[in-house]
Amino acid sequence: MLDSIRNLKTTKIELRQRLPEIECDWLVGQLRAHRGIAAAACAGDARRLTIEYDGDTLVSADLIDFLNVCGVRVAAVRVGHT
């Protein structure tokens, strides 16, 4: 599926609180397993996530909703194109 992504978008998300490393690893695994997400990574102090996704399948609000389901609260979102 990832080879068929033509509308790859990147969203950088700042979390309300820092995640412990094990929780960040778990969250990245959950994101990578989600349909339409090409890549995910924790950045810096584990308060920031970078997510690459198929813009034809998902929008940034879908990512925020998914993070809320995982119990992760978002402080800020910055959407960009790759």
Protein backbone atom coordinates (compact mmCIF):
# COMPACT_ATOMS: atom_id res chain seq x y z
CA MET A 1 0.00 0.00 0.00
CA LEU A 2 2.74 2.48 0.85
CA ASP A 3 4.03 2.36 -2.71
CA SER A 4 0.64 3.59 -3.89
CA ILE A 5 0.65 6.73 -1.72
CA ARG A 6 0.61 9.75 -3.99
CA ASN A 7 -0.47 12.39 -1.50
CA LEU A 8 2.12 11.98 1.26
CA LYS A 9 1.69 14.55 4.04
CA THR A 10 3.65 15.20 7.20
CA THR A 11 2.22 16.38 10.49
CA LYS A 12 4.33 17.41 13.46
CA ILE A 13 2.50 17.10 16.75
CA GLU A 14 3.51 18.51 20.09
CA LEU A 15 2.18 16.55 23.04
CA ARG A 16 0.96 18.05 26.30
CA GLN A 17 3.46 15.99 28.27
CA ARG A 18 6.63 14.04 27.66
CA LEU A 19 6.20 10.31 27.05
CA PRO A 20 8.52 7.78 28.68
CA GLU A 21 10.60 5.96 26.06
CA ILE A 22 8.67 2.69 26.34
CA GLU A 23 5.34 4.49 25.86
CA CYS A 24 6.73 6.43 22.92
CA ASP A 25 7.91 3.18 21.30
CA TRP A 26 4.46 1.66 21.87
CA LEU A 27 2.71 4.69 20.39
CA VAL A 28 4.94 4.72 17.32
CA GLY A 29 4.14 1.03 16.79
CA GLN A 30 0.41 1.73 17.06
CA LEU A 31 0.68 4.59 14.58
CA ARG A 32 2.72 2.56 12.08
CA ALA A 33 0.13 -0.22 12.23
CA HIS A 34 -2.71 2.22 11.49
CA ARG A 35 -4.05 2.17 7.92
CA GLY A 36 -2.75 5.08 5.84
CA ILE A 37 0.25 5.93 8.01
CA ALA A 38 3.58 5.54 6.23
CA ALA A 39 5.93 6.50 9.10
CA ALA A 40 5.95 7.80 12.65
CA ALA A 41 8.69 8.82 15.05
CA CYS A 42 9.16 10.49 18.41
CA ALA A 43 11.47 13.48 18.28
CA GLY A 44 13.78 15.11 20.75
CA ASP A 45 12.40 15.04 24.26
CA ALA A 46 9.53 12.62 23.41
CA ARG A 47 7.06 15.50 23.44
CA ARG A 48 6.99 15.68 19.66
CA LEU A 49 5.78 13.24 17.04
CA THR A 50 6.37 13.36 13.31
CA ILE A 51 3.84 11.40 11.28
CA GLU A 52 3.83 10.81 7.52
CA TYR A 53 0.50 9.67 6.13
CA ASP A 54 -1.60 9.30 3.01
CA GLY A 55 -3.50 12.57 2.64
CA ASP A 56 -6.08 10.82 0.46
CA THR A 57 -6.94 8.47 3.34
CA LEU A 58 -6.42 10.56 6.49
CA VAL A 59 -6.44 14.16 7.67
CA SER A 60 -4.61 15.57 10.68
CA ALA A 61 -7.84 15.50 12.73
CA ASP A 62 -7.92 11.70 12.25
CA LEU A 63 -4.43 11.51 13.75
CA ILE A 64 -5.47 13.60 16.74
CA ASP A 65 -8.54 11.42 17.26
CA PHE A 66 -6.37 8.29 17.13
CA LEU A 67 -3.92 9.77 19.65
CA ASN A 68 -6.83 10.62 21.96
CA VAL A 69 -8.03 7.00 21.76
CA CYS A 70 -4.50 5.96 22.77
CA GLY A 71 -4.71 8.30 25.78
CA VAL A 72 -2.25 10.85 24.39
CA ARG A 73 -3.24 14.53 24.55
CA VAL A 74 -2.12 16.97 21.86
CA ALA A 75 -0.93 20.52 22.58
CA ALA A 76 -0.20 21.75 19.01
CA VAL A 77 -0.28 20.52 15.40
CA ARG A 78 1.74 21.67 12.38
CA VAL A 79 0.71 20.23 9.01
CA GLY A 80 3.00 20.23 5.98
CA HIS A 81 3.53 18.50 2.63
CA THR A 82 6.42 16.26 1.66
